[in-house]
Amino acid sequence: MTEFFGRVCGVGEAVAWREQLRSDGKRVVFTNGCFDVLHAGHVEYLAWARAQGDALIVGLNDDGSVRALKGAARPIVPFEDRARILAALRSVDAVVGFSERTPEVLLDRIRPDVHVKSAQYREDELPERTVVLQSGGEIRLAPHLAGSSTTDVIARIVARYSQ
C-alpha cells in the first residue's frame, strides 16, 4: 500500500531527491507548517502549492517546534501521524521534518525553485524570505481560505463536546 504515499524522509534524502529533480529539469516547490488536525483549508493550500511546479516538498514542524509555536496543548496529532497523512495526499510528493520554529535552515539545504506561504502573510514579513531569494528561489502567496484554521476546528470540537 505504500505505493499510494509520497515519501517521508530525512533532510539528507530530501536534498538528494531535490537534486535529482533539478537534474531532470523539474521545478520544485516547498511549503511548510504544522498541519495539525488536517482540514479543507490545508488541502486547498497544498493543492495550490503543488500547482506551482512539478513536485511539492512539505517541511513539517516536529512536535517540539509545534509546542514552541502553538503552546503546550499542541500538537493534537503526533509528528509521525501528521507526516503519513500529508504523504497520502495526491498533491504532496515528499514530507521532511524540521525542529526549528521557522524553516530557514531546511530551505537553505533544499533550495526550492518556489517557496509557498499563505496570503495571510506578507512576503516582506517572512523570516525565510532572505534565504529563499539568495538561493535563486521565488516566493508565492497562496490564497487563504478564511475561517478554516486548526484553531477554528479545535474550537468547534470543544464547543460541541462541552455542551
C-alpha atoms as a PDB file:
ATOM      1  CA  MET A   1       0.000   0.000   0.000  1.00  0.00           C
ATOM      2  CA  THR A   2       2.950   2.363   0.391  1.00  0.00           C
ATOM      3  CA  GLU A   3       2.903   2.974  -3.373  1.00  0.00           C
ATOM      4  CA  PHE A   4      -0.031   5.310  -2.720  1.00  0.00           C
ATOM      5  CA  PHE A   5       2.046   7.507  -0.410  1.00  0.00           C
ATOM      6  CA  GLY A   6       4.589  10.193  -1.105  1.00  0.00           C
ATOM      7  CA  ARG A   7       7.865   9.855   0.727  1.00  0.00           C
ATOM      8  CA  VAL A   8       8.526  10.791   4.344  1.00  0.00           C
ATOM      9  CA  CYS A   9      12.237  11.435   4.512  1.00  0.00           C
ATOM     10  CA  GLY A  10      15.087  12.935   6.431  1.00  0.00           C
ATOM     11  CA  VAL A  11      16.848  16.110   5.334  1.00  0.00           C
ATOM     12  CA  GLY A  12      19.671  14.333   3.513  1.00  0.00           C
ATOM     13  CA  GLU A  13      17.265  12.212   1.493  1.00  0.00           C
ATOM     14  CA  ALA A  14      15.110  15.257   0.710  1.00  0.00           C
ATOM     15  CA  VAL A  15      18.150  17.185  -0.541  1.00  0.00           C
ATOM     16  CA  ALA A  16      19.294  14.262  -2.731  1.00  0.00           C
ATOM     17  CA  TRP A  17      15.781  13.832  -4.148  1.00  0.00           C
ATOM     18  CA  ARG A  18      15.511  17.560  -4.825  1.00  0.00           C
ATOM     19  CA  GLU A  19      18.903  17.483  -6.640  1.00  0.00           C
ATOM     20  CA  GLN A  20      17.700  14.572  -8.784  1.00  0.00           C
ATOM     21  CA  LEU A  21      14.578  16.536  -9.684  1.00  0.00           C
ATOM     22  CA  ARG A  22      16.726  19.570 -10.514  1.00  0.00           C
ATOM     23  CA  SER A  23      18.962  17.493 -12.810  1.00  0.00           C
ATOM     24  CA  ASP A  24      15.796  16.248 -14.543  1.00  0.00           C
ATOM     25  CA  GLY A  25      14.765  19.875 -15.183  1.00  0.00           C
ATOM     26  CA  LYS A  26      11.875  19.735 -12.693  1.00  0.00           C
ATOM     27  CA  ARG A  27      10.616  22.751 -10.782  1.00  0.00           C
ATOM     28  CA  VAL A  28      10.481  22.030  -7.037  1.00  0.00           C
ATOM     29  CA  VAL A  29       8.020  23.747  -4.712  1.00  0.00           C
ATOM     30  CA  PHE A  30       8.402  23.872  -0.934  1.00  0.00           C
ATOM     31  CA  THR A  31       5.967  24.857   1.764  1.00  0.00           C
ATOM     32  CA  ASN A  32       5.937  24.279   5.484  1.00  0.00           C
ATOM     33  CA  GLY A  33       3.710  24.216   8.512  1.00  0.00           C
ATOM     34  CA  CYS A  34       2.392  22.313  11.497  1.00  0.00           C
ATOM     35  CA  PHE A  35      -0.562  20.724   9.654  1.00  0.00           C
ATOM     36  CA  ASP A  36      -2.090  19.612  12.950  1.00  0.00           C
ATOM     37  CA  VAL A  37      -5.708  18.370  12.529  1.00  0.00           C
ATOM     38  CA  LEU A  38      -5.768  18.436   8.737  1.00  0.00           C
ATOM     39  CA  HIS A  39      -8.753  20.308   7.266  1.00  0.00           C
ATOM     40  CA  ALA A  40     -10.084  21.569   3.916  1.00  0.00           C
ATOM     41  CA  GLY A  41      -8.055  24.783   4.120  1.00  0.00           C
ATOM     42  CA  HIS A  42      -4.859  22.733   4.342  1.00  0.00           C
ATOM     43  CA  VAL A  43      -5.877  20.529   1.417  1.00  0.00           C
ATOM     44  CA  GLU A  44      -6.717  23.529  -0.798  1.00  0.00           C
ATOM     45  CA  TYR A  45      -3.472  25.244   0.173  1.00  0.00           C
ATOM     46  CA  LEU A  46      -1.337  22.184  -0.583  1.00  0.00           C
ATOM     47  CA  ALA A  47      -3.049  21.615  -3.936  1.00  0.00           C
ATOM     48  CA  TRP A  48      -2.426  25.267  -4.858  1.00  0.00           C
ATOM     49  CA  ALA A  49       1.216  24.948  -3.802  1.00  0.00           C
ATOM     50  CA  ARG A  50       1.720  21.777  -5.852  1.00  0.00           C
ATOM     51  CA  ALA A  51       0.292  23.503  -8.941  1.00  0.00           C
ATOM     52  CA  GLN A  52       3.209  25.969  -8.805  1.00  0.00           C
ATOM     53  CA  GLY A  53       5.716  23.368 -10.025  1.00  0.00           C
ATOM     54  CA  ASP A  54       6.479  19.730 -10.754  1.00  0.00           C
ATOM     55  CA  ALA A  55       6.918  18.388  -7.201  1.00  0.00           C
ATOM     56  CA  LEU A  56       5.958  19.533  -3.710  1.00  0.00           C
ATOM     57  CA  ILE A  57       8.102  19.054  -0.611  1.00  0.00           C
ATOM     58  CA  VAL A  58       6.372  19.853   2.678  1.00  0.00           C
ATOM     59  CA  GLY A  59       8.516  20.886   5.616  1.00  0.00           C
ATOM     60  CA  LEU A  60       6.669  19.655   8.707  1.00  0.00           C
ATOM     61  CA  ASN A  61       7.302  21.114  12.154  1.00  0.00           C
ATOM     62  CA  ASP A  62       8.210  18.355  14.600  1.00  0.00           C
ATOM     63  CA  ASP A  63       6.255  18.063  17.851  1.00  0.00           C
ATOM     64  CA  GLY A  64       8.685  20.230  19.853  1.00  0.00           C
ATOM     65  CA  SER A  65       8.552  23.100  17.386  1.00  0.00           C
ATOM     66  CA  VAL A  66       4.742  22.883  17.220  1.00  0.00           C
ATOM     67  CA  ARG A  67       4.654  23.234  21.031  1.00  0.00           C
ATOM     68  CA  ALA A  68       7.008  26.225  20.801  1.00  0.00           C
ATOM     69  CA  LEU A  69       4.736  27.875  18.221  1.00  0.00           C
ATOM     70  CA  LYS A  70       1.256  26.856  19.389  1.00  0.00           C
ATOM     71  CA  GLY A  71       1.558  26.094  23.119  1.00  0.00           C
ATOM     72  CA  ALA A  72       1.805  23.048  25.372  1.00  0.00           C
ATOM     73  CA  ALA A  73      -1.549  21.541  24.292  1.00  0.00           C
ATOM     74  CA  ARG A  74      -0.397  21.115  20.697  1.00  0.00           C
ATOM     75  CA  PRO A  75       0.103  19.214  18.553  1.00  0.00           C
ATOM     76  CA  ILE A  76      -3.067  17.196  18.802  1.00  0.00           C
ATOM     77  CA  VAL A  77      -1.756  14.713  16.224  1.00  0.00           C
ATOM     78  CA  PRO A  78       1.846  13.470  16.685  1.00  0.00           C
ATOM     79  CA  PHE A  79       4.501  14.089  14.023  1.00  0.00           C
ATOM     80  CA  GLU A  80       4.589  10.550  12.614  1.00  0.00           C
ATOM     81  CA  ASP A  81       0.824  10.580  12.003  1.00  0.00           C
ATOM     82  CA  ARG A  82       0.825  14.099  10.553  1.00  0.00           C
ATOM     83  CA  ALA A  83       3.652  13.119   8.199  1.00  0.00           C
ATOM     84  CA  ARG A  84       1.841   9.974   6.977  1.00  0.00           C
ATOM     85  CA  ILE A  85      -1.426  11.860   6.471  1.00  0.00           C
ATOM     86  CA  LEU A  86       0.314  14.558   4.431  1.00  0.00           C
ATOM     87  CA  ALA A  87       2.239  11.973   2.405  1.00  0.00           C
ATOM     88  CA  ALA A  88      -1.062  10.297   1.497  1.00  0.00           C
ATOM     89  CA  LEU A  89      -2.324  13.449  -0.229  1.00  0.00           C
ATOM     90  CA  ARG A  90      -2.051  13.408  -4.002  1.00  0.00           C
ATOM     91  CA  SER A  91      -0.569  16.917  -4.016  1.00  0.00           C
ATOM     92  CA  VAL A  92       2.319  16.050  -1.666  1.00  0.00           C
ATOM     93  CA  ASP A  93       5.378  14.322  -3.100  1.00  0.00           C
ATOM     94  CA  ALA A  94       7.592  14.390  -0.013  1.00  0.00           C
ATOM     95  CA  VAL A  95       7.460  15.348   3.664  1.00  0.00           C
ATOM     96  CA  VAL A  96      10.538  16.259   5.693  1.00  0.00           C
ATOM     97  CA  GLY A  97      10.516  17.163   9.368  1.00  0.00           C
ATOM     98  CA  PHE A  98      12.311  20.061  10.998  1.00  0.00           C
ATOM     99  CA  SER A  99      12.761  21.140  14.604  1.00  0.00           C
ATOM    100  CA  GLU A 100      13.208  24.902  14.297  1.00  0.00           C
ATOM    101  CA  ARG A 101      10.308  27.353  14.668  1.00  0.00           C
ATOM    102  CA  THR A 102      10.795  28.592  11.101  1.00  0.00           C
ATOM    103  CA  PRO A 103      12.192  26.755   8.045  1.00  0.00           C
ATOM    104  CA  GLU A 104      15.265  28.793   7.053  1.00  0.00           C
ATOM    105  CA  VAL A 105      17.773  26.017   7.824  1.00  0.00           C
ATOM    106  CA  LEU A 106      15.763  23.489   5.816  1.00  0.00           C
ATOM    107  CA  LEU A 107      15.199  25.927   2.946  1.00  0.00           C
ATOM    108  CA  ASP A 108      18.932  26.628   2.805  1.00  0.00           C
ATOM    109  CA  ARG A 109      19.547  22.900   2.309  1.00  0.00           C
ATOM    110  CA  ILE A 110      16.696  22.136  -0.116  1.00  0.00           C
ATOM    111  CA  ARG A 111      16.875  25.369  -2.164  1.00  0.00           C
ATOM    112  CA  PRO A 112      13.457  25.086  -3.835  1.00  0.00           C
ATOM    113  CA  ASP A 113      12.549  26.940  -7.002  1.00  0.00           C
ATOM    114  CA  VAL A 114       9.352  28.197  -5.341  1.00  0.00           C
ATOM    115  CA  HIS A 115       8.511  28.704  -1.665  1.00  0.00           C
ATOM    116  CA  VAL A 116       4.786  28.960  -0.943  1.00  0.00           C
ATOM    117  CA  LYS A 117       3.227  30.661   2.064  1.00  0.00           C
ATOM    118  CA  SER A 118      -0.347  31.661   2.812  1.00  0.00           C
ATOM    119  CA  ALA A 119      -1.504  35.085   1.670  1.00  0.00           C
ATOM    120  CA  GLN A 120      -2.362  35.777   5.320  1.00  0.00           C
ATOM    121  CA  TYR A 121       1.354  36.695   5.494  1.00  0.00           C
ATOM    122  CA  ARG A 122       3.189  39.461   3.679  1.00  0.00           C
ATOM    123  CA  GLU A 123       6.322  38.479   1.800  1.00  0.00           C
ATOM    124  CA  ASP A 124       8.436  41.184   3.422  1.00  0.00           C
ATOM    125  CA  GLU A 125       7.491  39.810   6.886  1.00  0.00           C
ATOM    126  CA  LEU A 126       8.640  36.234   6.199  1.00  0.00           C
ATOM    127  CA  PRO A 127      11.762  35.313   8.192  1.00  0.00           C
ATOM    128  CA  GLU A 128      12.703  32.842   5.443  1.00  0.00           C
ATOM    129  CA  ARG A 129      12.493  35.433   2.652  1.00  0.00           C
ATOM    130  CA  THR A 130      16.236  36.168   2.547  1.00  0.00           C
ATOM    131  CA  VAL A 131      17.372  32.537   2.295  1.00  0.00           C
ATOM    132  CA  VAL A 132      14.838  31.770  -0.468  1.00  0.00           C
ATOM    133  CA  LEU A 133      15.821  34.772  -2.567  1.00  0.00           C
ATOM    134  CA  GLN A 134      19.571  34.252  -2.003  1.00  0.00           C
ATOM    135  CA  SER A 135      19.344  30.742  -3.430  1.00  0.00           C
ATOM    136  CA  GLY A 136      17.522  31.998  -6.537  1.00  0.00           C
ATOM    137  CA  GLY A 137      14.051  30.898  -5.466  1.00  0.00           C
ATOM    138  CA  GLU A 138      10.844  32.861  -5.595  1.00  0.00           C
ATOM    139  CA  ILE A 139       8.054  33.280  -3.072  1.00  0.00           C
ATOM    140  CA  ARG A 140       4.402  32.880  -3.974  1.00  0.00           C
ATOM    141  CA  LEU A 141       1.499  33.608  -1.660  1.00  0.00           C
ATOM    142  CA  ALA A 142      -1.371  31.133  -1.793  1.00  0.00           C
ATOM    143  CA  PRO A 143      -4.974  32.276  -1.362  1.00  0.00           C
ATOM    144  CA  HIS A 144      -6.103  31.923   2.250  1.00  0.00           C
ATOM    145  CA  LEU A 145      -9.439  30.233   2.934  1.00  0.00           C
ATOM    146  CA  ALA A 146     -10.854  32.347   5.781  1.00  0.00           C
ATOM    147  CA  GLY A 147     -12.381  30.524   8.737  1.00  0.00           C
ATOM    148  CA  SER A 148     -10.552  27.262   8.108  1.00  0.00           C
ATOM    149  CA  SER A 149      -7.768  27.026  10.633  1.00  0.00           C
ATOM    150  CA  THR A 150      -6.809  24.256  13.014  1.00  0.00           C
ATOM    151  CA  THR A 151      -7.626  26.631  15.877  1.00  0.00           C
ATOM    152  CA  ASP A 152     -11.147  27.074  14.433  1.00  0.00           C
ATOM    153  CA  VAL A 153     -11.614  23.290  14.092  1.00  0.00           C
ATOM    154  CA  ILE A 154     -10.438  22.664  17.653  1.00  0.00           C
ATOM    155  CA  ALA A 155     -12.760  25.407  18.954  1.00  0.00           C
ATOM    156  CA  ARG A 156     -15.749  23.814  17.164  1.00  0.00           C
ATOM    157  CA  ILE A 157     -14.896  20.401  18.609  1.00  0.00           C
ATOM    158  CA  VAL A 158     -14.552  21.792  22.136  1.00  0.00           C
ATOM    159  CA  ALA A 159     -17.806  23.767  21.824  1.00  0.00           C
ATOM    160  CA  ARG A 160     -19.768  20.738  20.597  1.00  0.00           C
ATOM    161  CA  TYR A 161     -18.431  18.329  23.175  1.00  0.00           C
ATOM    162  CA  SER A 162     -18.597  20.660  26.156  1.00  0.00           C
ATOM    163  CA  GLN A 163     -22.382  21.120  25.934  1.00  0.00           C
END
